[in-house]
Amino acid sequence: MEDITPLEEAILNAHEFAAGLASMAIVHDMVQRSEESSKAVRDRELPREIRAQALKDGRECNQALNLVASARALVGISA
């Protein structure tokens, strides 16, 4: 395998950094959706169908967040 030049390494680092920022934005959005879903589930004034959908959405977000946490743990990153 060839050695990479400093410029190529800098480009790879910039791409990795951008990908990391994008993934953190997605995680942040999932956390917000999960919190909003939790509030909707507890709001007794909302129709049952909306609360049921909020429960489903919250569970999906939590499963995705657990998957992200497990993947990060595998590579040695923890909170």
N, C-alpha and C. Protein backbone atom coordinates (compact mmCIF):
# COMPACT_ATOMS: atom_id res chain seq x y z
N MET A 1 0.85 -1.18 0.00
CA MET A 1 0.00 0.00 0.00
C MET A 1 0.88 1.23 0.00
N GLU A 2 0.48 2.24 -0.73
CA GLU A 2 1.26 3.46 -0.85
C GLU A 2 1.13 4.31 0.41
N ASP A 3 2.18 5.08 0.64
CA ASP A 3 2.10 6.07 1.70
C ASP A 3 1.23 7.22 1.22
N ILE A 4 0.47 7.80 2.14
CA ILE A 4 -0.35 8.93 1.73
C ILE A 4 0.40 10.23 2.03
N THR A 5 0.15 11.21 1.22
CA THR A 5 0.82 12.50 1.39
C THR A 5 0.14 13.27 2.52
N PRO A 6 0.82 14.26 3.07
CA PRO A 6 0.20 15.08 4.12
C PRO A 6 -1.11 15.73 3.66
N LEU A 7 -1.17 16.14 2.39
CA LEU A 7 -2.40 16.74 1.88
C LEU A 7 -3.54 15.71 1.86
N GLU A 8 -3.23 14.50 1.42
CA GLU A 8 -4.25 13.45 1.39
C GLU A 8 -4.71 13.12 2.81
N GLU A 9 -3.78 13.08 3.73
CA GLU A 9 -4.13 12.81 5.13
C GLU A 9 -5.02 13.92 5.68
N ALA A 10 -4.69 15.18 5.34
CA ALA A 10 -5.50 16.30 5.81
C ALA A 10 -6.92 16.22 5.23
N ILE A 11 -7.02 15.82 3.96
CA ILE A 11 -8.34 15.68 3.34
C ILE A 11 -9.13 14.58 4.03
N LEU A 12 -8.48 13.45 4.30
CA LEU A 12 -9.16 12.35 5.00
C LEU A 12 -9.61 12.78 6.40
N ASN A 13 -8.75 13.53 7.09
CA ASN A 13 -9.11 14.02 8.43
C ASN A 13 -10.30 14.98 8.37
N ALA A 14 -10.32 15.84 7.36
CA ALA A 14 -11.44 16.78 7.20
C ALA A 14 -12.73 16.04 6.92
N HIS A 15 -12.67 15.00 6.10
CA HIS A 15 -13.86 14.20 5.80
C HIS A 15 -14.34 13.48 7.05
N GLU A 16 -13.42 12.94 7.81
CA GLU A 16 -13.77 12.23 9.04
C GLU A 16 -14.41 13.19 10.04
N PHE A 17 -13.86 14.40 10.14
CA PHE A 17 -14.41 15.41 11.04
C PHE A 17 -15.83 15.79 10.62
N ALA A 18 -16.03 16.02 9.33
CA ALA A 18 -17.36 16.38 8.82
C ALA A 18 -18.36 15.26 9.06
N ALA A 19 -17.94 14.03 8.84
CA ALA A 19 -18.82 12.89 9.08
C ALA A 19 -19.17 12.78 10.56
N GLY A 20 -18.22 13.06 11.42
CA GLY A 20 -18.48 13.04 12.86
C GLY A 20 -19.49 14.10 13.27
N LEU A 21 -19.34 15.30 12.70
CA LEU A 21 -20.31 16.37 13.00
C LEU A 21 -21.71 15.99 12.51
N ALA A 22 -21.78 15.42 11.33
CA ALA A 22 -23.08 15.02 10.78
C ALA A 22 -23.72 13.95 11.66
N SER A 23 -22.93 12.99 12.10
CA SER A 23 -23.50 11.93 12.94
C SER A 23 -23.97 12.48 14.28
N MET A 24 -23.25 13.45 14.83
CA MET A 24 -23.67 14.05 16.09
C MET A 24 -24.96 14.85 15.91
N ALA A 25 -25.13 15.48 14.77
CA ALA A 25 -26.37 16.21 14.49
C ALA A 25 -27.55 15.24 14.41
N ILE A 26 -27.32 14.09 13.81
CA ILE A 26 -28.38 13.08 13.71
C ILE A 26 -28.73 12.55 15.10
N VAL A 27 -27.72 12.29 15.91
CA VAL A 27 -27.96 11.81 17.28
C VAL A 27 -28.72 12.87 18.06
N HIS A 28 -28.33 14.12 17.92
CA HIS A 28 -29.01 15.21 18.61
C HIS A 28 -30.48 15.27 18.22
N ASP A 29 -30.77 15.14 16.93
CA ASP A 29 -32.15 15.14 16.46
C ASP A 29 -32.94 13.96 17.04
N MET A 30 -32.31 12.79 17.11
CA MET A 30 -32.99 11.62 17.66
C MET A 30 -33.31 11.83 19.14
N VAL A 31 -32.39 12.43 19.88
CA VAL A 31 -32.62 12.69 21.30
C VAL A 31 -33.80 13.66 21.45
N GLN A 32 -33.83 14.70 20.64
CA GLN A 32 -34.94 15.65 20.71
C GLN A 32 -36.27 14.97 20.36
N ARG A 33 -36.28 14.17 19.31
CA ARG A 33 -37.51 13.46 18.93
C ARG A 33 -37.97 12.53 20.04
N SER A 34 -37.02 11.87 20.70
CA SER A 34 -37.36 10.97 21.78
C SER A 34 -37.98 11.74 22.95
N GLU A 35 -37.40 12.89 23.27
CA GLU A 35 -37.94 13.71 24.36
C GLU A 35 -39.33 14.23 24.02
N GLU A 36 -39.53 14.68 22.78
CA GLU A 36 -40.84 15.18 22.36
C GLU A 36 -41.88 14.06 22.37
N SER A 37 -41.47 12.89 21.96
CA SER A 37 -42.38 11.74 21.96
C SER A 37 -42.78 11.39 23.38
N SER A 38 -41.83 11.44 24.28
CA SER A 38 -42.11 11.13 25.69
C SER A 38 -43.13 12.11 26.27
N LYS A 39 -42.98 13.39 25.93
CA LYS A 39 -43.94 14.39 26.40
C LYS A 39 -45.33 14.12 25.83
N ALA A 40 -45.39 13.78 24.55
CA ALA A 40 -46.68 13.52 23.90
C ALA A 40 -47.35 12.29 24.50
N VAL A 41 -46.59 11.28 24.83
CA VAL A 41 -47.16 10.05 25.41
C VAL A 41 -47.83 10.36 26.74
N ARG A 42 -47.24 11.26 27.51
CA ARG A 42 -47.78 11.59 28.84
C ARG A 42 -48.91 12.62 28.80
N ASP A 43 -49.11 13.26 27.65
CA ASP A 43 -50.14 14.29 27.52
C ASP A 43 -51.52 13.64 27.33
N ARG A 44 -52.28 13.57 28.39
CA ARG A 44 -53.59 12.90 28.38
C ARG A 44 -54.63 13.65 27.55
N GLU A 45 -54.34 14.89 27.18
CA GLU A 45 -55.29 15.66 26.37
C GLU A 45 -55.21 15.30 24.89
N LEU A 46 -54.12 14.66 24.47
CA LEU A 46 -53.98 14.26 23.07
C LEU A 46 -54.81 13.01 22.79
N PRO A 47 -55.27 12.86 21.56
CA PRO A 47 -56.00 11.64 21.20
C PRO A 47 -55.12 10.39 21.36
N ARG A 48 -55.78 9.29 21.62
CA ARG A 48 -55.07 8.02 21.87
C ARG A 48 -54.18 7.64 20.69
N GLU A 49 -54.64 7.85 19.45
CA GLU A 49 -53.87 7.48 18.26
C GLU A 49 -52.56 8.26 18.19
N ILE A 50 -52.62 9.53 18.52
CA ILE A 50 -51.41 10.37 18.49
C ILE A 50 -50.44 9.92 19.58
N ARG A 51 -50.97 9.62 20.75
CA ARG A 51 -50.10 9.14 21.84
C ARG A 51 -49.48 7.80 21.50
N ALA A 52 -50.26 6.92 20.85
CA ALA A 52 -49.73 5.61 20.45
C ALA A 52 -48.61 5.78 19.41
N GLN A 53 -48.80 6.69 18.46
CA GLN A 53 -47.76 6.94 17.45
C GLN A 53 -46.53 7.55 18.11
N ALA A 54 -46.73 8.43 19.08
CA ALA A 54 -45.60 9.03 19.79
C ALA A 54 -44.81 7.96 20.55
N LEU A 55 -45.52 7.01 21.14
CA LEU A 55 -44.85 5.91 21.84
C LEU A 55 -44.01 5.09 20.87
N LYS A 56 -44.58 4.80 19.71
CA LYS A 56 -43.85 4.04 18.68
C LYS A 56 -42.61 4.81 18.22
N ASP A 57 -42.79 6.12 17.94
CA ASP A 57 -41.66 6.94 17.50
C ASP A 57 -40.56 7.00 18.56
N GLY A 58 -40.97 7.16 19.81
CA GLY A 58 -40.00 7.21 20.90
C GLY A 58 -39.21 5.93 21.03
N ARG A 59 -39.89 4.80 20.89
CA ARG A 59 -39.20 3.51 20.97
C ARG A 59 -38.21 3.34 19.82
N GLU A 60 -38.62 3.77 18.61
CA GLU A 60 -37.71 3.67 17.46
C GLU A 60 -36.47 4.53 17.67
N CYS A 61 -36.66 5.74 18.18
CA CYS A 61 -35.51 6.62 18.46
C CYS A 61 -34.60 6.00 19.50
N ASN A 62 -35.19 5.46 20.56
CA ASN A 62 -34.38 4.86 21.62
C ASN A 62 -33.61 3.64 21.12
N GLN A 63 -34.22 2.85 20.25
CA GLN A 63 -33.51 1.71 19.68
C GLN A 63 -32.33 2.18 18.83
N ALA A 64 -32.56 3.22 18.04
CA ALA A 64 -31.48 3.76 17.20
C ALA A 64 -30.36 4.33 18.07
N LEU A 65 -30.72 5.01 19.14
CA LEU A 65 -29.69 5.57 20.03
C LEU A 65 -28.91 4.46 20.73
N ASN A 66 -29.61 3.39 21.11
CA ASN A 66 -28.91 2.25 21.72
C ASN A 66 -27.94 1.61 20.73
N LEU A 67 -28.34 1.53 19.47
CA LEU A 67 -27.47 0.98 18.44
C LEU A 67 -26.22 1.85 18.27
N VAL A 68 -26.41 3.16 18.23
CA VAL A 68 -25.27 4.08 18.12
C VAL A 68 -24.34 3.92 19.31
N ALA A 69 -24.92 3.85 20.51
CA ALA A 69 -24.10 3.70 21.72
C ALA A 69 -23.32 2.38 21.70
N SER A 70 -23.96 1.31 21.24
CA SER A 70 -23.28 0.01 21.17
C SER A 70 -22.14 0.05 20.15
N ALA A 71 -22.39 0.67 19.01
CA ALA A 71 -21.36 0.76 17.98
C ALA A 71 -20.17 1.57 18.48
N ARG A 72 -20.44 2.65 19.18
CA ARG A 72 -19.35 3.48 19.71
C ARG A 72 -18.57 2.74 20.80
N ALA A 73 -19.29 1.97 21.60
CA ALA A 73 -18.63 1.19 22.65
C ALA A 73 -17.67 0.16 22.05
N LEU A 74 -18.06 -0.40 20.91
CA LEU A 74 -17.21 -1.39 20.25
C LEU A 74 -15.86 -0.80 19.81
N VAL A 75 -15.88 0.50 19.46
CA VAL A 75 -14.63 1.13 19.03
C VAL A 75 -13.95 1.90 20.17
N GLY A 76 -14.51 1.74 21.37
CA GLY A 76 -13.84 2.33 22.53
C GLY A 76 -14.27 3.74 22.88
N ILE A 77 -15.39 4.19 22.36
CA ILE A 77 -15.89 5.52 22.68
C ILE A 77 -17.08 5.37 23.62
N SER A 78 -17.01 6.03 24.77
CA SER A 78 -18.14 5.96 25.71
C SER A 78 -18.41 7.34 26.28
N ALA A 79 -19.60 7.49 26.82
CA ALA A 79 -19.99 8.79 27.40
C ALA A 79 -19.49 8.91 28.81
